[in-house]
Amino acid sequence: MPLADEFFFIAYDVQTGKLRLNARSAGLGLAGGLLGELVLHGNIDVANGTLTVVDGQAVPEDDLGYRILRQLGQGGMGSGW
């Protein structure tokens, strides 16, 4: 199961649909999980506090991963964030 999906099931009670964490913590955790998935698949690299999109890697299969990678790439990620 993808990292962000695992975090989702930790942060939300699927029975009631309510958050187990405050909204800010849940949002940051999900964002971190999504970025972590891109790191694990080799789409982005983090070194010395800089995030860089890695060219030539397979495009993420899931739509959200693809959108995040595309948005990062549009932000001039060649030089890093």
Protein backbone atom coordinates (compact mmCIF):
# COMPACT_ATOMS: atom_id res chain seq x y z
CA MET A 1 0.00 0.00 0.00
CA PRO A 2 1.40 3.43 -0.90
CA LEU A 3 2.80 5.58 1.91
CA ALA A 4 0.19 8.34 1.61
CA ASP A 5 -2.62 5.78 1.63
CA GLU A 6 -1.27 4.25 4.84
CA PHE A 7 -1.15 7.69 6.45
CA PHE A 8 -4.71 8.38 5.31
CA PHE A 9 -5.96 5.32 7.21
CA ILE A 10 -4.05 6.45 10.30
CA ALA A 11 -5.34 10.04 10.13
CA TYR A 12 -9.01 9.30 9.30
CA ASP A 13 -11.54 7.07 10.95
CA VAL A 14 -13.08 5.36 7.92
CA GLN A 15 -16.12 4.29 9.94
CA THR A 16 -17.13 7.83 10.91
CA GLY A 17 -15.26 9.83 8.25
CA LYS A 18 -13.79 12.04 10.96
CA LEU A 19 -10.19 13.10 11.39
CA ARG A 20 -8.17 11.56 14.19
CA LEU A 21 -5.68 14.45 13.90
CA ASN A 22 -6.19 18.16 13.46
CA ALA A 23 -6.66 19.24 9.83
CA ARG A 24 -3.24 20.89 9.55
CA SER A 25 -1.40 17.80 10.78
CA ALA A 26 -3.41 15.53 8.49
CA GLY A 27 -2.73 17.74 5.47
CA LEU A 28 0.98 18.00 6.16
CA GLY A 29 1.23 14.26 6.74
CA LEU A 30 -0.55 13.45 3.47
CA ALA A 31 1.65 15.91 1.57
CA GLY A 32 4.75 14.36 3.12
CA GLY A 33 3.52 10.89 2.23
CA LEU A 34 2.94 11.89 -1.40
CA LEU A 35 6.39 13.47 -1.67
CA GLY A 36 7.87 10.39 0.01
CA GLU A 37 6.30 8.19 -2.66
CA LEU A 38 7.91 10.32 -5.37
CA VAL A 39 11.28 9.99 -3.61
CA LEU A 40 10.92 6.21 -3.29
CA HIS A 41 10.06 5.91 -7.00
CA GLY A 42 13.06 8.06 -7.97
CA ASN A 43 10.99 10.94 -9.39
CA ILE A 44 12.41 13.53 -7.02
CA ASP A 45 15.61 13.78 -5.03
CA VAL A 46 16.20 15.59 -1.74
CA ALA A 47 19.77 16.50 -0.84
CA ASN A 48 21.17 19.22 1.39
CA GLY A 49 17.70 20.68 1.93
CA THR A 50 16.99 20.97 -1.81
CA LEU A 51 14.25 19.11 -3.67
CA THR A 52 14.98 18.37 -7.34
CA VAL A 53 12.86 16.67 -10.01
CA VAL A 54 14.80 13.77 -11.57
CA ASP A 55 14.50 13.64 -15.36
CA GLY A 56 14.09 10.37 -17.23
CA GLN A 57 12.13 8.50 -14.58
CA ALA A 58 8.83 6.75 -15.27
CA VAL A 59 5.80 8.98 -14.77
CA PRO A 60 3.81 8.10 -11.61
CA GLU A 61 0.88 5.79 -12.36
CA ASP A 62 -1.52 7.59 -10.05
CA ASP A 63 -3.07 10.86 -11.15
CA LEU A 64 -2.21 12.77 -7.98
CA GLY A 65 1.46 11.77 -8.10
CA TYR A 66 1.57 12.82 -11.74
CA ARG A 67 -0.03 16.20 -10.94
CA ILE A 68 2.36 16.88 -8.07
CA LEU A 69 5.40 15.99 -10.17
CA ARG A 70 4.14 18.17 -13.02
CA GLN A 71 3.52 21.11 -10.67
CA LEU A 72 7.00 20.76 -9.15
CA GLY A 73 8.50 20.64 -12.64
CA GLN A 74 6.70 23.83 -13.64
CA GLY A 75 8.19 25.64 -10.68
CA GLY A 76 11.67 25.65 -12.20
CA MET A 77 12.72 22.53 -10.32
CA GLY A 78 15.78 21.95 -12.49
CA SER A 79 17.67 24.21 -10.10
CA GLY A 80 15.91 22.77 -7.06
CA TRP A 81 13.50 24.12 -4.48
